[in-house]
Amino acid sequence: MKRATPSTTRRTYDVLPHEGDAAHCWEVHQYGSREHNYYGTEREAIAAARELAHAHHPAKVVLHGRDGFAYREFNC
């Protein structure tokens, strides 16, 4: 079986609820990275995560509810 090279490794972008500033209630986080991007609505965060995933193909977006559990995934 052939191992994935770094250029073909699938990136994962998580959309998570963020507790803190009311203007930035949702965050997008790339798994394995320290960078977080904050958005005012869940819809904005999902759109940004999907845009990042399409730019870094292959990738997936994982949506998390306020309880922390993943409830939906998009493959891009």
N, C-alpha and C. Protein backbone atom coordinates (compact mmCIF):
# COMPACT_ATOMS: atom_id res chain seq x y z
N MET A 1 0.84 -1.19 0.00
CA MET A 1 0.00 0.00 0.00
C MET A 1 0.88 1.24 0.00
N LYS A 2 0.57 2.18 -0.85
CA LYS A 2 1.35 3.41 -0.97
C LYS A 2 0.93 4.41 0.10
N ARG A 3 1.91 5.02 0.74
CA ARG A 3 1.62 6.02 1.77
C ARG A 3 1.39 7.38 1.12
N ALA A 4 0.56 8.16 1.76
CA ALA A 4 0.27 9.51 1.25
C ALA A 4 1.47 10.42 1.48
N THR A 5 1.80 11.20 0.50
CA THR A 5 2.86 12.19 0.65
C THR A 5 2.27 13.46 1.22
N PRO A 6 3.09 14.35 1.78
CA PRO A 6 2.53 15.57 2.36
C PRO A 6 1.67 16.38 1.40
N SER A 7 1.97 16.32 0.10
CA SER A 7 1.18 17.09 -0.85
C SER A 7 -0.20 16.48 -1.10
N THR A 8 -0.38 15.20 -0.78
CA THR A 8 -1.68 14.56 -1.00
C THR A 8 -2.41 14.25 0.31
N THR A 9 -1.86 14.66 1.43
CA THR A 9 -2.51 14.42 2.71
C THR A 9 -3.78 15.26 2.80
N ARG A 10 -4.86 14.62 3.22
CA ARG A 10 -6.14 15.32 3.33
C ARG A 10 -6.12 16.26 4.53
N ARG A 11 -6.48 17.51 4.31
CA ARG A 11 -6.56 18.48 5.39
C ARG A 11 -7.97 18.46 5.95
N THR A 12 -8.08 18.72 7.24
CA THR A 12 -9.37 18.76 7.91
C THR A 12 -9.57 20.14 8.51
N TYR A 13 -10.70 20.75 8.18
CA TYR A 13 -11.07 22.04 8.73
C TYR A 13 -12.29 21.84 9.62
N ASP A 14 -12.17 22.19 10.90
CA ASP A 14 -13.26 22.04 11.85
C ASP A 14 -13.97 23.37 12.04
N VAL A 15 -15.30 23.33 12.04
CA VAL A 15 -16.13 24.50 12.36
C VAL A 15 -16.70 24.25 13.75
N LEU A 16 -16.30 25.11 14.69
CA LEU A 16 -16.63 24.90 16.10
C LEU A 16 -17.29 26.13 16.70
N PRO A 17 -18.20 25.93 17.65
CA PRO A 17 -18.72 27.09 18.38
C PRO A 17 -17.60 27.65 19.27
N HIS A 18 -17.56 28.96 19.40
CA HIS A 18 -16.51 29.62 20.19
C HIS A 18 -17.17 30.41 21.31
N GLU A 19 -16.78 30.11 22.53
CA GLU A 19 -17.31 30.85 23.67
C GLU A 19 -16.39 32.04 23.93
N GLY A 20 -16.97 33.19 24.03
CA GLY A 20 -16.17 34.39 24.25
C GLY A 20 -16.89 35.59 23.69
N ASP A 21 -16.21 36.34 22.84
CA ASP A 21 -16.75 37.55 22.23
C ASP A 21 -18.03 37.23 21.45
N ALA A 22 -19.10 37.95 21.75
CA ALA A 22 -20.39 37.70 21.09
C ALA A 22 -20.33 37.96 19.59
N ALA A 23 -19.40 38.81 19.14
CA ALA A 23 -19.29 39.11 17.72
C ALA A 23 -18.57 37.99 16.96
N HIS A 24 -17.89 37.12 17.67
CA HIS A 24 -17.14 36.03 17.04
C HIS A 24 -17.53 34.71 17.70
N CYS A 25 -18.70 34.20 17.33
CA CYS A 25 -19.27 33.03 17.99
C CYS A 25 -18.81 31.71 17.40
N TRP A 26 -18.23 31.72 16.19
CA TRP A 26 -17.84 30.48 15.52
C TRP A 26 -16.40 30.58 15.05
N GLU A 27 -15.69 29.46 15.09
CA GLU A 27 -14.31 29.45 14.65
C GLU A 27 -14.06 28.35 13.64
N VAL A 28 -13.08 28.59 12.78
CA VAL A 28 -12.61 27.60 11.82
C VAL A 28 -11.18 27.28 12.20
N HIS A 29 -10.90 26.00 12.36
CA HIS A 29 -9.58 25.56 12.80
C HIS A 29 -9.11 24.43 11.89
N GLN A 30 -7.89 24.57 11.36
CA GLN A 30 -7.31 23.47 10.57
C GLN A 30 -6.68 22.50 11.55
N TYR A 31 -7.07 21.23 11.46
CA TYR A 31 -6.54 20.22 12.36
C TYR A 31 -5.02 20.18 12.26
N GLY A 32 -4.35 20.19 13.41
CA GLY A 32 -2.90 20.15 13.45
C GLY A 32 -2.25 21.52 13.37
N SER A 33 -3.03 22.57 13.30
CA SER A 33 -2.52 23.93 13.20
C SER A 33 -2.91 24.71 14.45
N ARG A 34 -2.17 25.76 14.73
CA ARG A 34 -2.49 26.63 15.86
C ARG A 34 -3.36 27.81 15.44
N GLU A 35 -3.57 27.97 14.15
CA GLU A 35 -4.31 29.12 13.64
C GLU A 35 -5.82 28.88 13.76
N HIS A 36 -6.51 29.90 14.25
CA HIS A 36 -7.97 29.89 14.36
C HIS A 36 -8.50 31.16 13.70
N ASN A 37 -9.58 31.03 12.94
CA ASN A 37 -10.25 32.18 12.34
C ASN A 37 -11.65 32.25 12.93
N TYR A 38 -12.09 33.44 13.30
CA TYR A 38 -13.36 33.62 14.00
C TYR A 38 -14.38 34.34 13.12
N TYR A 39 -15.65 33.92 13.26
CA TYR A 39 -16.74 34.47 12.44
C TYR A 39 -17.96 34.71 13.32
N GLY A 40 -18.81 35.62 12.87
CA GLY A 40 -19.99 36.00 13.64
C GLY A 40 -21.12 34.98 13.58
N THR A 41 -21.25 34.27 12.46
CA THR A 41 -22.33 33.30 12.33
C THR A 41 -21.78 31.95 11.89
N GLU A 42 -22.55 30.93 12.14
CA GLU A 42 -22.16 29.59 11.72
C GLU A 42 -22.10 29.52 10.19
N ARG A 43 -23.02 30.17 9.53
CA ARG A 43 -23.06 30.17 8.06
C ARG A 43 -21.78 30.77 7.47
N GLU A 44 -21.32 31.89 8.04
CA GLU A 44 -20.07 32.50 7.58
C GLU A 44 -18.88 31.57 7.80
N ALA A 45 -18.84 30.91 8.95
CA ALA A 45 -17.75 30.00 9.27
C ALA A 45 -17.73 28.80 8.32
N ILE A 46 -18.90 28.25 8.01
CA ILE A 46 -18.98 27.11 7.09
C ILE A 46 -18.52 27.53 5.70
N ALA A 47 -18.96 28.70 5.24
CA ALA A 47 -18.56 29.17 3.92
C ALA A 47 -17.05 29.36 3.85
N ALA A 48 -16.46 29.93 4.89
CA ALA A 48 -15.00 30.14 4.91
C ALA A 48 -14.26 28.81 4.94
N ALA A 49 -14.75 27.86 5.72
CA ALA A 49 -14.10 26.54 5.81
C ALA A 49 -14.18 25.81 4.47
N ARG A 50 -15.31 25.88 3.81
CA ARG A 50 -15.44 25.22 2.51
C ARG A 50 -14.54 25.88 1.47
N GLU A 51 -14.41 27.20 1.54
CA GLU A 51 -13.51 27.90 0.62
C GLU A 51 -12.06 27.47 0.85
N LEU A 52 -11.65 27.36 2.11
CA LEU A 52 -10.30 26.89 2.42
C LEU A 52 -10.10 25.46 1.94
N ALA A 53 -11.10 24.62 2.16
CA ALA A 53 -10.99 23.22 1.76
C ALA A 53 -10.88 23.08 0.24
N HIS A 54 -11.63 23.87 -0.50
CA HIS A 54 -11.54 23.82 -1.97
C HIS A 54 -10.18 24.30 -2.45
N ALA A 55 -9.59 25.26 -1.73
CA ALA A 55 -8.28 25.79 -2.12
C ALA A 55 -7.15 24.81 -1.81
N HIS A 56 -7.37 23.91 -0.86
CA HIS A 56 -6.34 22.95 -0.44
C HIS A 56 -6.83 21.52 -0.64
N HIS A 57 -7.25 21.22 -1.84
CA HIS A 57 -7.78 19.90 -2.19
C HIS A 57 -6.68 18.85 -2.09
N PRO A 58 -6.83 17.67 -1.56
CA PRO A 58 -8.05 17.13 -0.95
C PRO A 58 -8.21 17.59 0.50
N ALA A 59 -9.44 17.84 0.89
CA ALA A 59 -9.72 18.32 2.24
C ALA A 59 -11.15 17.97 2.62
N LYS A 60 -11.44 18.12 3.90
CA LYS A 60 -12.82 17.94 4.36
C LYS A 60 -13.13 18.97 5.42
N VAL A 61 -14.41 19.26 5.57
CA VAL A 61 -14.92 20.20 6.57
C VAL A 61 -15.78 19.40 7.54
N VAL A 62 -15.51 19.55 8.83
CA VAL A 62 -16.28 18.85 9.86
C VAL A 62 -17.00 19.89 10.70
N LEU A 63 -18.33 19.77 10.78
CA LEU A 63 -19.14 20.70 11.57
C LEU A 63 -19.40 20.11 12.95
N HIS A 64 -19.20 20.93 13.97
CA HIS A 64 -19.43 20.52 15.35
C HIS A 64 -20.56 21.35 15.93
N GLY A 65 -21.42 20.71 16.71
CA GLY A 65 -22.50 21.42 17.39
C GLY A 65 -22.02 22.05 18.67
N ARG A 66 -22.91 22.75 19.34
CA ARG A 66 -22.54 23.40 20.60
C ARG A 66 -22.18 22.40 21.69
N ASP A 67 -22.58 21.14 21.52
CA ASP A 67 -22.20 20.10 22.48
C ASP A 67 -20.80 19.55 22.20
N GLY A 68 -20.17 19.99 21.10
CA GLY A 68 -18.82 19.56 20.78
C GLY A 68 -18.72 18.37 19.85
N PHE A 69 -19.82 17.67 19.64
CA PHE A 69 -19.80 16.48 18.79
C PHE A 69 -19.96 16.86 17.31
N ALA A 70 -19.26 16.12 16.46
CA ALA A 70 -19.36 16.34 15.01
C ALA A 70 -20.71 15.84 14.53
N TYR A 71 -21.39 16.63 13.71
CA TYR A 71 -22.69 16.21 13.21
C TYR A 71 -22.78 16.16 11.70
N ARG A 72 -21.75 16.68 10.98
CA ARG A 72 -21.80 16.63 9.52
C ARG A 72 -20.40 16.84 8.96
N GLU A 73 -20.14 16.19 7.82
CA GLU A 73 -18.86 16.34 7.13
C GLU A 73 -19.09 16.62 5.66
N PHE A 74 -18.22 17.44 5.09
CA PHE A 74 -18.23 17.71 3.65
C PHE A 74 -16.86 17.32 3.12
N ASN A 75 -16.81 16.55 2.06
CA ASN A 75 -15.56 16.24 1.38
C ASN A 75 -15.39 17.19 0.21
N CYS A 76 -14.23 17.77 0.09
CA CYS A 76 -13.96 18.73 -0.99
C CYS A 76 -12.78 18.27 -1.81
